[in-house]
Amino acid sequence: MRKRSKLSVVGVVLIGASVATVGLVATPGVTQASKPPPPFYLALGDSYSVGVQPGIGATAGYTSYVAKKEKMTLENFGCGGATTSSILTVIGCPGPNYGPTALIDPVAYPATTQEQAAVNFIAAPANFGKVGLVTVSIGGNDVTACAGAADPVTCVTAATTTIQTNVTSLVGTLSSALTTHGDSSAKIAGLTYPDVILGDYVHQPTNVSLANLSIVAFHALINPTLQAAYTSVAGGSFVNVTEAPYKLATAGDETPLTTTAKLNPYGTIPVAVWEICRLTYFCTLGNIHANTNGYTFIAKLVVADL
């Protein structure tokens, strides 16, 4: 058997090395094992959507928690003071009547409405097919003034007519934009609110009759209206914060008022009121906003809904 020369052996080794190396060289224009970017999460709405707390302003709220849990990139269009009308018609988030904007991942839209800004984001070529979730917290400011009305129920009834029209229009526009731009599987989750007026049991006991009426307003008017609007589109859902169980409050804010618990410094109070005191600032300050525990509670409800 003829021996191969050292030169020929070296040549084979070099050729083999070259062949092996070819597999390690990245081909121009091809990303090696790249991961797609996380989907976008768009948050729209009022002060609840930007996590407002009294004396603090905008906070992480519920949206930041949801984004982290769902591994999404948050884009927060929220604007304190927004109503179901302003979200469709008011340009930007102009003070002093509106604001603040979000603390985390805020989106500025100085030349358009909140609704249109979200649609523009969805329609941007770079975002095609990349939106996975939209949450909306809106409607609370439509009915806030009714607490001081001579006939609160009649006032809320009139307000829900506006809410029904505007929210149905909003989610229809968002759904159409998502479908048109490759995001037909994206979910639109609409939220309601805690029934903070129940806090008047301890904050302003002379308003107990109004607190009782608030239960009727949420159960018979506000929540059914919001639920109908948000579920009017494919992929739309309703997160019923009002009636969600929280520890002792097995039916949320609608836990029968005869079910009581002790809470310092108020003594024995209805569990439904106890929940409002634990999750919001209404019992202590008469302020409608959630505290950190409240926003976390809301965030967990949104995640459970997805």
Protein backbone atom coordinates (compact mmCIF):
# COMPACT_ATOMS: atom_id res chain seq x y z
CA MET A 1 0.00 0.00 0.00
CA ARG A 2 1.45 3.33 -1.06
CA LYS A 3 1.97 5.89 1.67
CA ARG A 4 0.50 9.33 1.22
CA SER A 5 2.95 12.17 1.41
CA LYS A 6 2.91 14.53 4.38
CA LEU A 7 1.89 17.28 2.02
CA SER A 8 -1.21 15.41 0.88
CA VAL A 9 -2.20 14.59 4.46
CA VAL A 10 -1.86 18.22 5.47
CA GLY A 11 -3.99 19.21 2.48
CA VAL A 12 -6.77 16.86 3.56
CA VAL A 13 -6.69 18.24 7.09
CA LEU A 14 -6.87 21.81 5.83
CA ILE A 15 -9.71 20.99 3.47
CA GLY A 16 -11.60 19.29 6.29
CA ALA A 17 -11.08 22.28 8.50
CA SER A 18 -12.37 24.55 5.76
CA VAL A 19 -15.49 22.42 5.32
CA ALA A 20 -16.14 22.43 9.08
CA THR A 21 -15.63 26.17 9.22
CA VAL A 22 -18.22 26.83 6.54
CA GLY A 23 -20.97 25.70 8.90
CA LEU A 24 -19.86 28.21 11.51
CA VAL A 25 -19.75 31.26 9.29
CA ALA A 26 -22.99 33.30 9.41
CA THR A 27 -24.56 33.85 6.04
CA PRO A 28 -25.04 37.57 5.37
CA GLY A 29 -28.63 38.68 6.07
CA VAL A 30 -29.52 35.56 8.12
CA THR A 31 -29.97 35.93 11.91
CA GLN A 32 -28.75 32.94 13.88
CA ALA A 33 -31.41 31.60 16.31
CA SER A 34 -33.05 35.03 16.67
CA LYS A 35 -36.12 35.41 18.84
CA PRO A 36 -39.08 37.46 17.68
CA PRO A 37 -39.66 40.61 19.74
CA PRO A 38 -42.38 40.43 22.40
CA PRO A 39 -45.85 41.50 21.25
CA PHE A 40 -47.12 44.97 22.04
CA TYR A 41 -49.65 45.66 24.77
CA LEU A 42 -51.63 48.87 24.25
CA ALA A 43 -53.29 50.47 27.30
CA LEU A 44 -55.99 53.09 26.78
CA GLY A 45 -58.20 54.98 29.16
CA ASP A 46 -58.39 57.36 32.10
CA SER A 47 -56.52 57.77 35.40
CA TYR A 48 -57.00 54.09 36.26
CA SER A 49 -55.09 53.16 33.11
CA VAL A 50 -52.12 55.28 34.26
CA GLY A 51 -52.28 54.16 37.88
CA VAL A 52 -52.99 57.52 39.52
CA GLN A 53 -52.66 57.67 43.31
CA PRO A 54 -53.39 60.81 45.37
CA GLY A 55 -50.29 62.78 46.32
CA ILE A 56 -48.19 60.67 43.95
CA GLY A 57 -49.63 61.03 40.47
CA ALA A 58 -49.09 58.34 37.85
CA THR A 59 -47.63 55.05 39.09
CA ALA A 60 -46.93 51.60 37.66
CA GLY A 61 -50.65 50.92 38.14
CA TYR A 62 -52.02 47.67 36.75
CA THR A 63 -50.63 47.93 33.21
CA SER A 64 -46.98 47.45 34.11
CA TYR A 65 -47.85 44.28 36.06
CA VAL A 66 -49.84 42.89 33.14
CA ALA A 67 -47.05 43.66 30.66
CA LYS A 68 -44.49 41.90 32.82
CA LYS A 69 -46.62 38.83 33.47
CA GLU A 70 -47.59 38.47 29.81
CA LYS A 71 -44.06 39.28 28.58
CA MET A 72 -45.30 42.09 26.37
CA THR A 73 -43.99 45.55 25.48
CA LEU A 74 -46.27 48.16 27.04
CA GLU A 75 -47.39 51.25 25.14
CA ASN A 76 -49.59 53.33 27.44
CA PHE A 77 -51.90 55.90 25.79
CA GLY A 78 -53.83 56.61 29.01
CA CYS A 79 -54.82 60.11 30.08
CA GLY A 80 -56.15 61.09 33.49
CA GLY A 81 -59.60 62.64 33.36
CA ALA A 82 -60.51 60.99 30.07
CA THR A 83 -64.16 60.21 29.38
CA THR A 84 -65.79 58.02 26.76
CA SER A 85 -66.28 61.18 24.70
CA SER A 86 -62.82 62.73 25.14
CA ILE A 87 -61.03 59.52 24.20
CA LEU A 88 -62.69 59.88 20.78
CA THR A 89 -62.59 63.64 20.30
CA VAL A 90 -60.01 65.48 22.43
CA ILE A 91 -56.59 66.13 20.89
CA GLY A 92 -53.74 65.00 23.12
CA CYS A 93 -53.95 64.93 26.92
CA PRO A 94 -54.18 68.67 27.58
CA GLY A 95 -53.91 70.12 31.07
CA PRO A 96 -55.28 71.36 33.31
CA ASN A 97 -58.46 69.38 32.64
CA TYR A 98 -56.63 66.21 31.65
CA GLY A 99 -53.60 64.34 32.89
CA PRO A 100 -51.36 62.96 34.06
CA THR A 101 -50.13 60.65 31.34
CA ALA A 102 -48.53 57.30 32.11
CA LEU A 103 -45.38 57.04 34.20
CA ILE A 104 -44.18 53.90 32.46
CA ASP A 105 -43.98 53.62 28.67
CA PRO A 106 -46.20 56.64 27.91
CA VAL A 107 -47.18 57.45 24.33
CA ALA A 108 -47.51 61.11 23.37
CA TYR A 109 -50.11 62.13 20.77
CA PRO A 110 -50.16 65.95 20.70
CA ALA A 111 -51.82 66.16 17.28
CA THR A 112 -54.50 63.49 17.50
CA THR A 113 -57.00 61.79 19.81
CA GLN A 114 -56.23 58.90 22.10
CA GLU A 115 -58.30 56.56 19.94
CA GLN A 116 -56.61 57.66 16.71
CA ALA A 117 -53.16 57.47 18.27
CA ALA A 118 -53.77 53.81 19.11
CA VAL A 119 -55.09 53.13 15.61
CA ASN A 120 -52.04 54.85 14.10
CA PHE A 121 -49.76 52.67 16.20
CA ILE A 122 -51.54 49.50 15.11
CA ALA A 123 -51.42 50.60 11.46
CA ALA A 124 -47.71 51.49 11.42
CA PRO A 125 -45.91 49.10 9.02
CA ALA A 126 -43.27 48.32 11.64
CA ASN A 127 -45.99 47.10 14.03
CA PHE A 128 -47.93 44.96 11.55
CA GLY A 129 -49.14 41.80 13.29
CA LYS A 130 -47.31 42.62 16.51
CA VAL A 131 -50.10 43.77 18.84
CA GLY A 132 -51.25 41.07 21.24
CA LEU A 133 -53.41 42.88 23.77
CA VAL A 134 -55.39 46.08 24.27
CA THR A 135 -56.88 47.06 27.63
CA VAL A 136 -59.33 49.91 28.14
CA SER A 137 -60.37 51.60 31.40
CA ILE A 138 -62.92 54.25 30.55
CA GLY A 139 -66.37 55.41 31.67
CA GLY A 140 -65.74 56.23 35.31
CA ASN A 141 -65.49 59.95 34.69
CA ASP A 142 -68.76 59.85 32.74
CA VAL A 143 -70.65 58.97 35.92
CA THR A 144 -68.55 60.66 38.64
CA ALA A 145 -70.65 63.83 38.59
CA CYS A 146 -73.78 61.77 39.24
CA ALA A 147 -72.75 61.34 42.88
CA GLY A 148 -73.80 64.96 43.45
CA ALA A 149 -76.93 64.87 41.29
CA ALA A 150 -80.40 65.34 42.74
CA ASP A 151 -81.41 61.99 41.22
CA PRO A 152 -78.22 59.89 40.89
CA VAL A 153 -79.93 56.89 39.25
CA THR A 154 -81.51 59.01 36.52
CA CYS A 155 -78.16 60.72 35.99
CA VAL A 156 -76.31 57.40 35.67
CA THR A 157 -78.99 56.06 33.34
CA ALA A 158 -78.44 59.00 30.99
CA ALA A 159 -74.66 58.64 31.25
CA THR A 160 -74.76 54.94 30.35
CA THR A 161 -76.48 55.79 27.07
CA THR A 162 -73.43 57.87 26.13
CA ILE A 163 -71.07 55.20 27.45
CA GLN A 164 -72.78 52.50 25.38
CA THR A 165 -72.51 54.53 22.17
CA ASN A 166 -68.93 55.70 22.67
CA VAL A 167 -67.36 52.50 23.99
CA THR A 168 -69.05 50.40 21.31
CA SER A 169 -67.63 52.78 18.71
CA LEU A 170 -64.17 52.71 20.31
CA VAL A 171 -63.82 48.94 20.49
CA GLY A 172 -65.28 48.58 17.00
CA THR A 173 -62.62 50.91 15.61
CA LEU A 174 -59.84 49.16 17.52
CA SER A 175 -61.04 45.71 16.47
CA SER A 176 -61.24 46.77 12.82
CA ALA A 177 -57.72 48.21 12.94
CA LEU A 178 -56.32 45.08 14.56
CA THR A 179 -57.97 42.81 11.99
CA THR A 180 -56.87 44.96 9.06
CA HIS A 181 -53.26 45.09 10.20
CA GLY A 182 -52.57 41.47 10.99
CA ASP A 183 -53.59 41.35 14.64
CA SER A 184 -56.91 39.54 14.41
CA SER A 185 -55.93 37.26 17.32
CA ALA A 186 -55.28 40.21 19.65
CA LYS A 187 -57.56 40.51 22.65
CA ILE A 188 -59.40 43.66 23.75
CA ALA A 189 -60.06 43.56 27.49
CA GLY A 190 -62.37 46.23 28.89
CA LEU A 191 -62.40 46.94 32.60
CA THR A 192 -64.89 48.36 35.05
CA TYR A 193 -64.09 49.86 38.47
CA PRO A 194 -64.40 49.22 42.20
CA ASP A 195 -67.62 50.67 43.61
CA VAL A 196 -65.72 53.30 45.59
CA ILE A 197 -68.87 55.15 46.72
CA LEU A 198 -69.41 52.31 49.19
CA GLY A 199 -66.57 53.91 51.12
CA ASP A 200 -69.00 56.61 52.22
CA TYR A 201 -70.17 54.17 54.89
CA VAL A 202 -67.08 55.25 56.84
CA HIS A 203 -65.81 58.34 55.02
CA GLN A 204 -69.08 60.27 55.02
CA PRO A 205 -71.79 58.25 56.79
CA THR A 206 -74.46 60.82 55.94
CA ASN A 207 -74.18 59.54 52.36
CA VAL A 208 -75.06 55.92 53.18
CA SER A 209 -78.18 56.14 51.02
CA LEU A 210 -75.98 57.17 48.05
CA ALA A 211 -73.64 54.27 48.80
CA ASN A 212 -76.59 51.90 48.64
CA LEU A 213 -77.68 53.39 45.31
CA SER A 214 -74.18 52.88 43.92
CA ILE A 215 -74.65 49.12 44.20
CA VAL A 216 -77.74 49.36 42.00
CA ALA A 217 -75.96 51.70 39.58
CA PHE A 218 -73.04 49.33 39.01
CA HIS A 219 -75.05 46.11 38.97
CA ALA A 220 -78.00 47.22 36.85
CA LEU A 221 -76.59 50.03 34.71
CA ILE A 222 -72.84 50.64 34.47
CA ASN A 223 -71.46 47.11 34.30
CA PRO A 224 -74.08 45.64 31.93
CA THR A 225 -73.51 48.61 29.61
CA LEU A 226 -69.72 48.17 29.61
CA GLN A 227 -69.97 44.41 29.23
CA ALA A 228 -72.26 44.72 26.20
CA ALA A 229 -69.93 47.23 24.58
CA TYR A 230 -66.68 45.34 25.14
CA THR A 231 -68.07 41.98 24.07
CA SER A 232 -69.63 43.42 20.91
CA VAL A 233 -66.46 42.58 18.94
CA ALA A 234 -64.56 39.36 18.35
CA GLY A 235 -61.83 38.97 20.94
CA GLY A 236 -63.52 41.45 23.27
CA SER A 237 -63.92 40.62 26.95
CA PHE A 238 -65.15 42.30 30.12
CA VAL A 239 -63.15 42.31 33.37
CA ASN A 240 -65.68 42.85 36.14
CA VAL A 241 -63.55 44.46 38.84
CA THR A 242 -66.66 45.42 40.84
CA GLU A 243 -67.88 41.91 41.51
CA ALA A 244 -64.53 40.08 41.60
CA PRO A 245 -63.91 38.20 44.88
CA TYR A 246 -61.26 39.67 47.18
CA LYS A 247 -60.46 37.74 50.34
CA LEU A 248 -63.47 38.19 52.65
CA ALA A 249 -65.51 39.85 49.90
CA THR A 250 -66.63 36.68 48.13
CA ALA A 251 -68.80 38.62 45.69
CA GLY A 252 -66.60 41.68 45.56
CA ASP A 253 -68.32 45.00 46.15
CA GLU A 254 -71.69 43.24 45.84
CA THR A 255 -71.15 41.06 48.88
CA PRO A 256 -74.36 41.47 50.94
CA LEU A 257 -74.07 44.42 53.32
CA THR A 258 -75.23 42.16 56.14
CA THR A 259 -71.90 40.31 55.90
CA THR A 260 -69.51 42.19 58.16
CA ALA A 261 -65.91 42.25 59.30
CA LYS A 262 -63.74 44.34 61.60
CA LEU A 263 -61.31 46.87 60.19
CA ASN A 264 -59.35 49.40 62.21
CA PRO A 265 -60.06 52.21 62.82
CA TYR A 266 -63.64 51.76 61.65
CA GLY A 267 -64.75 48.83 63.77
CA THR A 268 -67.31 46.40 62.33
CA ILE A 269 -68.33 47.34 58.78
CA PRO A 270 -69.88 45.57 55.76
CA VAL A 271 -67.34 43.38 54.00
CA ALA A 272 -68.12 45.14 50.71
CA VAL A 273 -67.04 48.40 52.36
CA TRP A 274 -64.04 46.64 53.94
CA GLU A 275 -62.90 45.72 50.42
CA ILE A 276 -63.12 49.33 49.21
CA CYS A 277 -61.13 50.47 52.24
CA ARG A 278 -58.43 47.86 51.55
CA LEU A 279 -58.11 48.50 47.81
CA THR A 280 -58.74 52.24 47.37
CA TYR A 281 -58.23 55.63 49.02
CA PHE A 282 -61.92 56.40 49.37
CA CYS A 283 -62.41 55.46 53.02
CA THR A 284 -59.53 57.66 54.18
CA LEU A 285 -59.45 60.49 51.64
CA GLY A 286 -62.68 60.29 49.68
CA ASN A 287 -60.47 59.68 46.63
CA ILE A 288 -61.75 57.35 43.89
CA HIS A 289 -58.37 55.86 42.93
CA ALA A 290 -56.96 52.46 43.79
CA ASN A 291 -53.94 52.05 46.03
CA THR A 292 -51.01 49.79 45.11
CA ASN A 293 -52.85 46.70 46.40
CA GLY A 294 -55.89 47.74 44.39
CA TYR A 295 -54.00 48.10 41.13
CA THR A 296 -52.28 44.77 41.70
CA PHE A 297 -55.66 43.17 42.33
CA ILE A 298 -56.97 44.64 39.06
CA ALA A 299 -53.86 43.49 37.18
CA LYS A 300 -54.33 39.92 38.37
CA LEU A 301 -57.93 39.98 37.15
CA VAL A 302 -56.77 41.09 33.70
CA VAL A 303 -54.12 38.35 33.55
CA ALA A 304 -56.68 35.74 34.64
CA ASP A 305 -58.99 36.91 31.84
CA LEU A 306 -56.39 36.40 29.10
